[in-house]
Protein backbone atom coordinates (compact mmCIF):
# COMPACT_ATOMS: atom_id res chain seq x y z
CA MET A 1 177.87 235.47 249.34
CA GLU A 2 179.22 238.35 251.44
CA LEU A 3 179.38 236.14 254.50
CA LEU A 4 181.33 233.60 252.55
CA LEU A 5 183.76 236.31 251.48
CA HIS A 6 184.20 237.16 255.17
CA PHE A 7 184.98 233.48 255.86
CA THR A 8 187.34 233.19 252.86
CA TRP A 9 189.23 236.33 254.04
CA GLN A 10 189.32 235.37 257.69
CA GLN A 11 190.54 231.83 257.01
CA ARG A 12 192.94 233.04 254.34
CA LEU A 13 191.49 230.66 251.75
CA LEU A 14 193.14 232.74 249.05
CA PRO A 15 193.93 231.73 245.43
CA LEU A 16 197.33 230.27 244.70
CA GLU A 17 198.08 232.85 242.05
CA PRO A 18 199.32 236.29 243.21
CA LEU A 19 196.64 238.71 244.39
CA LEU A 20 196.42 242.02 242.54
CA THR A 21 194.49 245.15 243.16
CA THR A 22 192.07 246.24 240.46
CA ASP A 23 194.73 248.70 239.27
CA GLY A 24 197.37 245.96 239.03
CA ARG A 25 199.35 246.31 242.29
CA ARG A 26 200.55 243.19 244.04
CA VAL A 27 198.83 242.35 247.40
CA GLU A 28 200.30 240.25 250.18
CA VAL A 29 198.06 239.42 253.12
CA ILE A 30 200.18 239.34 256.30
CA ASP A 31 197.33 239.45 258.86
CA PRO A 32 193.61 239.42 257.85
CA GLY A 33 192.84 241.33 261.09
CA LEU A 34 190.23 240.92 263.87
CA HIS A 35 186.68 240.19 262.68
CA ASN A 36 184.26 242.90 263.79
CA THR A 37 180.73 241.71 264.47
CA ASN A 38 179.50 245.24 265.36
CA ALA A 39 179.07 248.43 263.33
CA GLY A 40 182.02 249.69 261.33
CA PRO A 41 184.59 247.95 259.07
CA ASP A 42 184.52 244.15 258.92
CA PHE A 43 188.06 243.59 260.04
CA PHE A 44 190.26 245.69 262.35
CA ASN A 45 194.01 246.03 262.43
CA ALA A 46 194.72 244.06 259.29
CA LYS A 47 198.23 244.07 257.81
CA VAL A 48 198.70 243.96 254.02
CA ARG A 49 201.59 244.72 251.74
CA ILE A 50 200.66 246.56 248.56
CA ASP A 51 203.67 246.48 246.23
CA ASP A 52 206.46 247.59 248.61
CA THR A 53 204.38 249.46 251.13
CA LEU A 54 203.11 247.86 254.37
CA TRP A 55 199.66 249.00 255.39
CA VAL A 56 198.09 248.58 258.77
CA GLY A 57 194.41 249.38 259.16
CA ASN A 58 190.88 248.18 258.51
CA VAL A 59 189.37 246.02 255.76
CA GLU A 60 185.86 246.25 254.43
CA ILE A 61 184.24 243.43 252.54
CA HIS A 62 181.36 243.59 250.06
CA GLU A 63 179.89 241.33 247.41
CA ARG A 64 180.21 244.22 244.91
CA SER A 65 182.26 247.38 244.88
CA SER A 66 179.10 249.52 244.43
CA ASP A 67 177.89 248.32 247.84
CA TRP A 68 180.38 250.83 249.28
CA TYR A 69 178.15 253.64 248.07
CA LYS A 70 174.95 251.71 248.67
CA HIS A 71 175.85 251.65 252.37
CA HIS A 72 177.13 255.31 252.27
CA HIS A 73 180.62 254.45 253.49
CA GLU A 74 182.06 257.36 251.41
CA ALA A 75 180.29 259.81 253.78
CA ASP A 76 181.40 258.08 257.00
CA GLY A 77 185.06 259.07 257.45
CA ALA A 78 184.93 258.45 261.19
CA ASN A 79 184.40 254.70 260.70
CA TYR A 80 185.82 254.04 257.21
CA GLY A 81 188.54 256.63 256.88
CA ASN A 82 191.11 254.03 257.98
CA VAL A 83 190.08 251.36 255.47
CA ILE A 84 193.25 250.23 253.70
CA LEU A 85 191.69 247.57 251.45
CA HIS A 86 188.28 246.89 249.96
CA VAL A 87 187.80 243.16 249.40
CA VAL A 88 185.01 242.27 246.88
CA GLY A 89 183.61 239.41 244.99
CA GLU A 90 182.98 241.65 241.97
CA ALA A 91 184.62 244.97 241.17
CA ASP A 92 181.98 246.99 239.31
CA CYS A 93 183.31 250.47 240.16
CA ALA A 94 186.10 252.41 241.89
CA VAL A 95 185.53 253.52 245.50
CA SER A 96 186.90 256.43 247.44
CA ILE A 97 186.63 258.28 250.74
CA ALA A 98 187.63 261.89 251.42
CA GLY A 99 188.67 262.23 247.87
CA GLU A 100 191.14 259.37 248.01
CA GLU A 101 190.68 256.06 246.18
CA VAL A 102 190.58 252.94 248.29
CA PRO A 103 192.61 250.01 246.96
CA GLN A 104 190.37 247.02 245.93
CA VAL A 105 191.08 243.37 245.44
CA VAL A 106 188.76 240.72 244.00
CA ILE A 107 188.81 237.45 245.95
CA PRO A 108 186.72 234.56 244.71
CA VAL A 109 185.04 232.18 247.12
CA PRO A 110 186.49 228.66 246.52
CA LYS A 111 183.91 226.51 244.72
CA ALA A 112 184.19 223.72 247.36
CA ILE A 113 183.42 226.24 250.14
CA ALA A 114 180.41 227.64 248.29
CA ASP A 115 179.09 224.13 247.49
CA ASN A 116 179.48 223.01 251.13
CA TYR A 117 177.77 226.13 252.37
CA ASP A 118 174.91 225.61 249.99
CA THR A 119 174.60 222.02 251.23
CA LEU A 120 174.46 223.17 254.88
CA MET A 121 171.79 225.77 254.06
CA ARG A 122 169.67 223.21 252.23
CA GLU A 123 170.17 220.27 254.57
CA GLU A 124 166.92 219.08 256.11
CA HIS A 125 168.53 216.52 258.46
CA PHE A 126 169.52 217.71 261.96
CA PRO A 127 172.26 218.48 262.64
CA PRO A 128 173.15 219.64 259.11
CA CYS A 129 176.88 219.11 259.63
CA TYR A 130 176.42 215.41 260.62
CA ARG A 131 178.87 214.24 257.97
CA VAL A 132 181.94 215.74 259.67
CA ILE A 133 181.12 215.02 263.35
CA PRO A 134 182.85 211.59 263.36
CA GLN A 135 185.94 213.23 261.82
CA LEU A 136 186.39 215.81 264.63
CA SER A 137 189.04 215.13 267.26
CA SER A 138 188.02 214.89 270.90
CA ILE A 139 189.85 218.11 271.61
CA ASP A 140 187.95 219.92 268.81
CA LYS A 141 184.62 218.74 270.16
CA SER A 142 185.24 219.29 273.85
CA SER A 143 186.80 222.78 273.38
CA TRP A 144 183.78 224.01 271.36
CA LEU A 145 181.31 222.47 273.80
CA SER A 146 183.12 224.15 276.73
CA ALA A 147 182.89 227.49 275.02
CA LEU A 148 179.17 226.92 274.31
CA THR A 149 178.56 225.98 277.99
CA ILE A 150 179.97 229.34 279.10
CA GLU A 151 178.00 231.14 276.35
CA ARG A 152 174.79 229.59 277.59
CA LEU A 153 175.51 230.47 281.17
CA GLN A 154 176.24 234.07 280.16
CA GLU A 155 173.03 234.16 278.23
CA LYS A 156 171.04 233.00 281.27
CA THR A 157 172.98 235.41 283.38
CA GLU A 158 171.59 238.28 281.32
CA ARG A 159 168.06 237.27 282.22
CA ILE A 160 169.00 237.09 285.96
CA GLU A 161 170.67 240.52 285.75
CA GLY A 162 167.37 241.81 284.45
CA TYR A 163 165.59 240.45 287.50
CA LEU A 164 168.22 241.95 289.68
CA LYS A 165 167.74 245.47 288.19
CA GLU A 166 163.94 245.14 288.39
CA SER A 167 164.15 244.21 292.09
CA CYS A 168 166.54 247.06 292.98
CA PHE A 169 169.42 244.62 293.38
CA ASP A 170 167.64 242.41 295.84
CA TRP A 171 169.20 239.01 295.47
CA GLU A 172 166.49 237.27 297.57
CA GLN A 173 163.80 238.56 295.23
CA THR A 174 165.95 237.68 292.19
CA PHE A 175 166.37 234.11 293.52
CA PHE A 176 162.59 233.89 294.04
CA ILE A 177 161.84 234.97 290.48
CA ALA A 178 164.42 232.72 288.90
CA LEU A 179 163.34 229.70 290.90
CA ALA A 180 159.69 230.37 290.27
CA ARG A 181 160.22 230.62 286.50
CA ASN A 182 161.85 227.21 286.45
CA PHE A 183 159.09 225.75 288.53
CA GLY A 184 157.05 226.31 285.40
CA PHE A 185 159.22 223.74 283.71
CA GLY A 186 158.85 225.26 280.27
CA VAL A 187 155.05 225.30 279.74
CA ASN A 188 154.20 227.78 282.50
CA ALA A 189 157.63 229.36 282.88
CA GLU A 190 156.52 232.80 281.65
CA VAL A 191 153.44 232.91 283.89
CA PHE A 192 155.44 231.78 286.92
CA GLU A 193 157.92 234.55 286.24
CA LEU A 194 155.11 237.13 285.98
CA TRP A 195 153.57 235.77 289.21
CA ALA A 196 156.87 236.02 291.11
CA LYS A 197 157.53 239.55 289.91
CA ASN A 198 154.07 240.46 291.05
CA LEU A 199 154.53 239.03 294.58
CA PRO A 200 156.99 241.05 296.73
CA LEU A 201 158.98 238.61 298.80
CA LYS A 202 159.01 241.12 301.65
CA VAL A 203 155.23 240.74 301.96
CA VAL A 204 155.66 236.95 302.13
CA GLY A 205 158.28 237.39 304.82
CA LYS A 206 155.91 239.35 307.03
CA HIS A 207 153.63 236.21 307.25
CA ARG A 208 156.24 233.54 306.99
CA ASP A 209 155.10 231.98 310.31
CA ASP A 210 151.61 231.48 308.99
CA ALA A 211 151.35 228.84 306.27
CA PHE A 212 147.71 229.64 305.49
CA GLN A 213 148.30 233.31 304.89
CA ILE A 214 151.24 232.53 302.54
CA GLU A 215 149.06 230.04 300.73
CA ALA A 216 146.40 232.75 300.30
CA LEU A 217 149.04 235.15 298.95
CA PHE A 218 150.45 232.53 296.57
CA TYR A 219 147.20 231.41 295.05
CA GLY A 220 145.53 234.81 295.25
CA GLN A 221 148.35 236.56 293.40
CA ALA A 222 148.37 233.76 290.83
CA GLY A 223 144.74 234.64 290.03
CA LEU A 224 143.75 231.05 290.76
CA LEU A 225 141.12 232.02 293.33
CA ASP A 226 139.17 233.98 290.74
CA GLU A 227 135.49 232.94 290.74
CA SER A 228 135.51 232.51 286.92
CA LEU A 229 138.11 229.80 287.16
CA ILE A 230 136.54 227.61 289.88
CA LYS A 231 133.16 225.99 289.11
CA ALA A 232 130.62 226.37 291.89
CA GLU A 233 130.57 222.59 292.59
CA ARG A 234 134.37 222.68 293.10
CA CYS A 235 134.28 225.60 295.52
CA ASP A 236 134.89 223.91 298.84
CA THR A 237 135.45 225.37 302.33
CA HIS A 238 139.20 225.66 301.74
CA VAL A 239 138.69 227.86 298.71
CA GLU A 240 136.30 230.12 300.51
CA ARG A 241 138.73 230.56 303.41
CA LEU A 242 141.59 231.34 301.02
CA ARG A 243 139.44 233.88 299.15
CA LYS A 244 138.51 235.62 302.37
CA GLU A 245 142.14 235.69 303.61
CA TYR A 246 143.50 236.92 300.32
CA ALA A 247 140.91 239.74 300.17
CA PHE A 248 142.19 240.98 303.50
CA LEU A 249 145.90 240.66 302.48
CA ARG A 250 145.24 242.19 299.05
CA HIS A 251 143.69 245.25 300.65
CA LYS A 252 146.43 245.49 303.38
CA PHE A 253 149.33 245.46 300.94
CA GLY A 254 147.71 246.94 297.86
CA LEU A 255 148.23 243.87 295.77
CA THR A 256 146.96 243.07 292.23
CA PRO A 257 146.70 239.45 291.08
CA ILE A 258 147.79 238.34 287.65
CA ASN A 259 145.23 236.96 285.19
CA GLY A 260 144.61 233.41 286.30
CA ALA A 261 143.42 232.41 282.78
CA GLN A 262 147.08 232.51 281.64
CA TRP A 263 147.92 229.29 283.33
CA LYS A 264 148.16 226.21 281.09
CA LEU A 265 146.73 222.85 282.22
CA LEU A 266 145.75 221.27 278.91
CA ARG A 267 147.35 217.82 278.21
CA MET A 268 149.48 218.23 281.35
CA ARG A 269 150.09 215.62 283.94
CA PRO A 270 148.36 216.48 287.24
CA GLN A 271 151.76 216.42 289.02
CA ASN A 272 152.75 219.38 286.86
CA PHE A 273 149.63 221.47 287.45
CA PRO A 274 150.48 225.06 288.59
CA HIS A 275 148.45 224.43 291.76
CA VAL A 276 150.86 221.63 292.75
CA ARG A 277 153.96 223.62 291.80
CA LEU A 278 152.77 226.51 293.90
CA ALA A 279 152.17 224.16 296.81
CA GLN A 280 155.74 222.92 296.49
CA LEU A 281 157.07 226.47 296.37
CA LEU A 282 154.92 227.15 299.49
CA HIS A 283 156.70 224.27 301.28
CA LEU A 284 160.13 225.74 300.36
CA TYR A 285 159.34 229.27 301.46
CA GLN A 286 157.25 228.53 304.54
CA SER A 287 158.16 225.23 305.96
CA LYS A 288 161.84 225.20 304.91
CA CYS A 289 162.37 228.97 304.92
CA ILE A 290 164.72 228.71 301.99
CA ASN A 291 166.95 231.70 301.23
CA PHE A 292 169.73 232.74 298.88
CA SER A 293 172.51 232.46 301.46
CA GLN A 294 171.67 228.80 301.92
CA LEU A 295 172.07 228.36 298.16
CA LEU A 296 175.47 230.00 298.17
CA ALA A 297 176.61 227.85 301.16
CA ALA A 298 175.49 224.48 299.77
CA GLN A 299 178.28 222.45 298.24
CA GLY A 300 177.70 219.79 295.56
CA GLN A 301 174.63 218.50 293.84
CA GLU A 302 173.35 216.34 296.69
CA ALA A 303 173.39 219.29 299.19
CA LEU A 304 171.65 221.51 296.62
CA MET A 305 169.02 218.88 295.80
CA ALA A 306 168.36 218.47 299.51
CA LEU A 307 167.91 222.21 299.87
CA LEU A 308 165.44 222.38 296.94
CA GLU A 309 163.63 219.16 297.68
CA ALA A 310 159.94 220.11 298.04
CA HIS A 311 156.60 218.43 298.52
CA THR A 312 153.00 219.33 299.22
CA GLU A 313 151.31 219.55 302.60
CA GLY A 314 147.78 219.69 304.03
CA TYR A 315 145.11 220.25 301.44
CA TRP A 316 147.43 219.65 298.56
CA GLN A 317 148.26 216.09 299.61
CA THR A 318 144.74 215.16 298.41
CA HIS A 319 144.24 217.69 295.60
CA TYR A 320 145.74 218.59 292.26
CA THR A 321 143.41 221.54 291.79
CA PHE A 322 140.72 223.17 293.89
CA GLY A 323 137.64 220.96 294.36
CA ALA A 324 137.36 217.17 294.32
CA ALA A 325 139.94 215.23 296.28
CA HIS A 326 141.75 212.22 294.86
CA ASP A 327 141.55 208.91 296.59
CA THR A 328 145.10 208.36 298.00
CA PRO A 329 146.90 211.16 299.84
CA SER A 330 150.43 211.79 298.60
CA GLU A 331 153.08 214.37 299.30
CA LYS A 332 153.77 214.94 295.59
CA HIS A 333 157.56 215.24 295.92
CA LEU A 334 159.67 216.95 293.24
CA GLN A 335 161.28 214.09 291.33
CA ARG A 336 165.01 213.83 291.12
CA SER A 337 164.91 214.68 287.36
CA SER A 338 163.00 217.88 288.24
CA LEU A 339 165.53 218.79 290.92
CA GLN A 340 168.31 218.31 288.39
CA LEU A 341 166.62 220.71 285.99
CA LEU A 342 166.39 223.31 288.76
CA LEU A 343 170.10 222.95 289.43
CA ILE A 344 170.82 223.35 285.70
CA ASN A 345 168.49 226.22 285.01
CA THR A 346 168.34 228.10 288.36
CA VAL A 347 171.22 227.28 290.62
CA ALA A 348 174.15 227.18 288.16
CA PRO A 349 173.13 230.47 286.41
CA LEU A 350 172.57 232.23 289.77
CA LEU A 351 175.99 231.13 291.06
CA PHE A 352 177.59 232.30 287.78
CA CYS A 353 175.75 235.60 287.89
CA TYR A 354 176.59 236.26 291.54
CA GLY A 355 180.22 235.40 290.91
CA LYS A 356 180.39 237.79 287.95
CA TYR A 357 178.63 240.57 289.91
CA HIS A 358 180.95 240.29 292.89
CA ASN A 359 184.03 239.39 290.84
CA GLU A 360 184.35 236.04 292.58
CA GLU A 361 185.79 233.64 289.98
CA ALA A 362 185.51 230.71 292.40
CA LEU A 363 181.66 230.95 292.25
CA CYS A 364 181.73 231.05 288.44
CA GLU A 365 183.90 227.92 288.50
CA ARG A 366 181.47 226.30 291.01
CA ALA A 367 178.66 226.87 288.51
CA VAL A 368 180.57 225.19 285.68
CA ASP A 369 181.67 222.38 288.03
CA LEU A 370 178.11 221.79 289.08
CA LEU A 371 177.06 221.34 285.43
CA ASP A 372 179.98 219.00 284.89
CA GLU A 373 178.86 216.96 287.92
CA LEU A 374 175.25 216.62 286.81
CA LYS A 375 174.27 213.93 284.31
CA ALA A 376 173.45 214.92 280.81
CA GLU A 377 169.82 215.85 279.92
CA SER A 378 167.96 213.56 277.62
CA ASN A 379 165.85 215.35 274.99
CA PHE A 380 165.37 215.34 271.19
CA ILE A 381 168.33 217.73 270.80
CA THR A 382 170.87 215.63 272.73
CA ARG A 383 169.60 212.41 271.18
CA ALA A 384 169.95 213.85 267.65
CA TRP A 385 173.60 214.86 268.35
CA GLY A 386 174.22 211.46 269.98
CA GLU A 387 172.99 209.65 266.86
CA VAL A 388 175.70 211.31 264.74
CA GLY A 389 178.48 210.62 267.16
CA LEU A 390 178.43 213.49 269.68
CA LYS A 391 177.06 212.08 272.94
CA ALA A 392 176.77 214.53 275.86
CA ARG A 393 178.66 213.29 278.92
CA SER A 394 177.37 215.80 281.44
CA ALA A 395 174.80 218.53 281.90
CA ALA A 396 177.51 221.01 280.85
CA GLN A 397 177.71 219.31 277.45
CA SER A 398 173.99 218.85 277.03
CA GLN A 399 173.49 222.58 277.74
CA ALA A 400 176.17 223.29 275.13
CA LEU A 401 174.33 221.13 272.53
CA ILE A 402 171.08 222.98 273.28
CA GLN A 403 172.87 226.33 272.86
CA LEU A 404 174.45 225.04 269.61
CA LYS A 405 171.08 224.15 268.10
CA ARG A 406 169.15 227.25 269.23
CA ASN A 407 171.82 229.89 268.56
CA TYR A 408 173.58 228.42 265.54
CA CYS A 409 171.75 225.58 263.81
CA ASP A 410 168.28 227.05 263.98
CA ARG A 411 169.63 230.38 262.69
CA LYS A 412 171.69 228.81 259.98
CA ASP A 413 174.68 230.55 261.49
CA CYS A 414 177.22 227.87 260.44
CA LEU A 415 179.94 230.38 259.78
CA ARG A 416 180.15 231.28 263.42
CA CYS A 417 180.11 227.56 264.48
CA ARG A 418 183.40 225.70 264.75
CA PHE A 419 181.79 222.55 263.43
CA GLY A 420 180.29 224.45 260.55
CA ARG A 421 183.59 226.07 259.60
CA TYR A 422 185.32 222.64 259.76
CA TYR A 423 182.61 221.31 257.43
CA LEU A 424 183.16 224.10 254.93
CA LYS A 425 186.86 223.53 254.69
CA THR A 426 187.04 219.72 254.77
CA CYS A 427 183.82 218.09 253.73
CA THR A 428 183.41 216.61 250.23
CA PRO A 429 180.00 217.85 248.91
CA PRO A 430 177.56 214.99 248.37
CA ALA A 431 176.96 213.90 244.83
CA PRO A 432 173.85 215.42 243.30
CA THR A 433 170.78 213.22 243.26
CA CYS A 434 168.93 212.51 239.99
């Protein structure tokens, strides 16, 4: 109920009859103030007229007056000493701070708002606000999706900033970790990230002219050369050579592999096995010598896809894992759909993060433009929104819809969602079922 009081106050959905304080003084709301989502009063810099006096200050909102004391606001003059009005759903006591009584006003939540909110909270269909989507204007939809696209980029930027700090602000290592994580394509993302953090790129660079040594480093650090993971009958000459080379490199650089048992292969297509993905990364970092400056220089999706295009070489043209070879050799190229996901989840966030870090707005704009250029993703989230009249036209919009579901719909945070707020104010609650 308190959240609905916040909404009612913020949207000025006030009763038609004059507002009165609990002691009978007339209240006129000139400006509800700025909603505060952090600690402290709920609204900053509100303007209200109480009788003939104009007050400028903060507003605190509670379901009941007694919550003022329940939350110990009376003892927190630093934060609540400038509260000019206490808005409540039920006035069950007087409240004060520093010996002075705080004016209170009771504001009811409109019944239609409460009913619509209850419907949203109980709705089992996704998205819960499906009834109002066709009513929204193109501008309303596109503006909210644009904001969500930026929100999602900023969220991904936070992860990349974490990589940057962990790597002592080494952008090459950061790029390596971010790219590796997304080579896990969801299922093995966390393990790929752990692997990349555990493999110093400077060590790889020292042996970049020797594909076999880098292969030993890649698979050894991944824990995939562990004897417990490869049955004796699948242990071929190539495995033995890799183990011997990795033992030398491990000792030379003081390396520690991750636990190879963490990798997931169950119900996975062979093309997606971590062994194949590592071989493709090997091609990028040894054969193509990919680096972060190339990423910054590449313009447009086709140039970026060409940069990230990877395939397998040598042993991995005839293998999906260690051991028995398959019949027909193949280079096992990254598919275009996979390359698109790498641009969405790796390249765009990296460009956005680098632009923010160096205060280069043009790079941030390039990140957004890239998402606008890429076609929309097709998954159960985008399909669900499409079925109710909100079809994603680009990767920017599909990313926005993913952000909307995960950060708003899944959390039942409809009061922070523009679609949800529109639903509350305009939707006619469905008739109750017998």
